[in-house]
C-alpha atoms as a PDB file:
ATOM      1  CA  MET A   1      -1.860 -41.077  15.527  1.00  0.00           C
ATOM      2  CA  VAL A   2      -1.504 -39.242  12.219  1.00  0.00           C
ATOM      3  CA  LYS A   3      -4.107 -36.470  12.663  1.00  0.00           C
ATOM      4  CA  LYS A   4      -2.556 -35.601  16.164  1.00  0.00           C
ATOM      5  CA  LYS A   5       1.011 -35.072  14.426  1.00  0.00           C
ATOM      6  CA  LYS A   6      -0.667 -32.856  11.928  1.00  0.00           C
ATOM      7  CA  LYS A   7      -2.383 -30.544  14.838  1.00  0.00           C
ATOM      8  CA  LYS A   8       1.531 -30.232  16.054  1.00  0.00           C
ATOM      9  CA  LYS A   9       2.299 -29.287  12.688  1.00  0.00           C
ATOM     10  CA  LYS A  10      -0.167 -26.347  12.432  1.00  0.00           C
ATOM     11  CA  LYS A  11       0.492 -24.984  15.809  1.00  0.00           C
ATOM     12  CA  LYS A  12       4.203 -24.489  14.501  1.00  0.00           C
ATOM     13  CA  LYS A  13       3.428 -22.630  11.438  1.00  0.00           C
ATOM     14  CA  LYS A  14       1.026 -20.239  13.707  1.00  0.00           C
ATOM     15  CA  LYS A  15       3.980 -19.057  15.333  1.00  0.00           C
ATOM     16  CA  LYS A  16       5.893 -18.630  11.937  1.00  0.00           C
ATOM     17  CA  LYS A  17       3.017 -16.828  10.434  1.00  0.00           C
ATOM     18  CA  LYS A  18       3.776 -14.079  13.509  1.00  0.00           C
ATOM     19  CA  LYS A  19       7.744 -13.251  12.673  1.00  0.00           C
ATOM     20  CA  LYS A  20       6.349 -12.936   9.134  1.00  0.00           C
ATOM     21  CA  LYS A  21       3.873 -10.169   9.799  1.00  0.00           C
ATOM     22  CA  LYS A  22       6.679  -8.221  11.454  1.00  0.00           C
ATOM     23  CA  LYS A  23       8.217  -8.234   8.213  1.00  0.00           C
ATOM     24  CA  LYS A  24       5.307  -7.257   6.073  1.00  0.00           C
ATOM     25  CA  LYS A  25       4.776  -4.135   8.084  1.00  0.00           C
ATOM     26  CA  LYS A  26       8.360  -3.258   6.860  1.00  0.00           C
ATOM     27  CA  LYS A  27       7.296  -3.944   3.228  1.00  0.00           C
ATOM     28  CA  LYS A  28       4.180  -2.047   3.508  1.00  0.00           C
ATOM     29  CA  LYS A  29       6.157   1.209   4.444  1.00  0.00           C
ATOM     30  CA  LYS A  30       8.288   0.621   1.549  1.00  0.00           C
ATOM     31  CA  LYS A  31       5.294   0.429  -0.655  1.00  0.00           C
ATOM     32  CA  LYS A  32       3.692   3.577   0.550  1.00  0.00           C
ATOM     33  CA  LYS A  33       6.385   5.289  -0.653  1.00  0.00           C
ATOM     34  CA  LYS A  34       6.423   3.854  -3.950  1.00  0.00           C
ATOM     35  CA  LYS A  35       2.683   4.965  -4.484  1.00  0.00           C
ATOM     36  CA  LYS A  36       3.529   8.451  -3.734  1.00  0.00           C
ATOM     37  CA  LYS A  37       5.988   8.720  -6.367  1.00  0.00           C
ATOM     38  CA  LYS A  38       3.694   7.556  -8.753  1.00  0.00           C
ATOM     39  CA  LYS A  39       1.161   9.828  -7.845  1.00  0.00           C
ATOM     40  CA  LYS A  40       3.700  12.690  -8.581  1.00  0.00           C
ATOM     41  CA  LYS A  41       4.142  11.133 -11.952  1.00  0.00           C
ATOM     42  CA  LYS A  42       0.410  11.053 -12.794  1.00  0.00           C
ATOM     43  CA  LYS A  43      -0.090  14.729 -11.734  1.00  0.00           C
ATOM     44  CA  LYS A  44       2.446  15.900 -14.180  1.00  0.00           C
ATOM     45  CA  LYS A  45       0.745  13.921 -16.750  1.00  0.00           C
ATOM     46  CA  LYS A  46      -2.666  15.442 -15.893  1.00  0.00           C
ATOM     47  CA  LYS A  47      -1.314  19.160 -16.131  1.00  0.00           C
ATOM     48  CA  LYS A  48      -0.061  18.802 -19.363  1.00  0.00           C
ATOM     49  CA  LYS A  49      -3.207  17.415 -20.843  1.00  0.00           C
ATOM     50  CA  LYS A  50      -5.446  19.813 -19.284  1.00  0.00           C
ATOM     51  CA  LYS A  51      -3.549  23.359 -18.906  1.00  0.00           C
ATOM     52  CA  LYS A  52      -7.067  25.455 -18.852  1.00  0.00           C
ATOM     53  CA  LYS A  53      -8.618  23.680 -15.906  1.00  0.00           C
ATOM     54  CA  LYS A  54      -5.491  23.734 -13.931  1.00  0.00           C
ATOM     55  CA  LYS A  55      -6.590  25.658 -10.662  1.00  0.00           C
ATOM     56  CA  LYS A  56      -9.811  23.342 -10.339  1.00  0.00           C
ATOM     57  CA  LYS A  57      -7.889  20.043 -11.012  1.00  0.00           C
ATOM     58  CA  LYS A  58      -5.128  21.023  -8.473  1.00  0.00           C
ATOM     59  CA  GLU A  59      -8.475  21.691  -5.744  1.00  0.00           C
ATOM     60  CA  GLU A  60      -9.755  18.338  -6.834  1.00  0.00           C
ATOM     61  CA  GLU A  61      -6.328  16.198  -6.243  1.00  0.00           C
ATOM     62  CA  GLU A  62      -5.612  17.773  -2.656  1.00  0.00           C
ATOM     63  CA  GLU A  63      -9.119  16.724  -1.647  1.00  0.00           C
ATOM     64  CA  GLU A  64      -8.307  13.133  -2.976  1.00  0.00           C
ATOM     65  CA  GLU A  65      -4.930  13.218  -1.143  1.00  0.00           C
ATOM     66  CA  GLU A  66      -6.437  13.849   2.251  1.00  0.00           C
ATOM     67  CA  GLU A  67      -8.889  11.178   1.778  1.00  0.00           C
ATOM     68  CA  SER A  68      -6.249   8.659   0.602  1.00  0.00           C
ATOM     69  CA  SER A  69      -3.903   9.505   3.458  1.00  0.00           C
END
């Protein structure tokens, strides 16, 4: 009888997980925005470090962005 009760509890947990998944999707969108801000900060640092190779670095970064997006 104890085993049967445990099985019922597991089924209830599965229903709760479905509701949580919707909340997680909203959180992921917020995280993506934060990541974009971080990328911009990193770009500024790269520009300051290597001013001589500006054009080459720009082209490489644009290619990386296309792959990530």
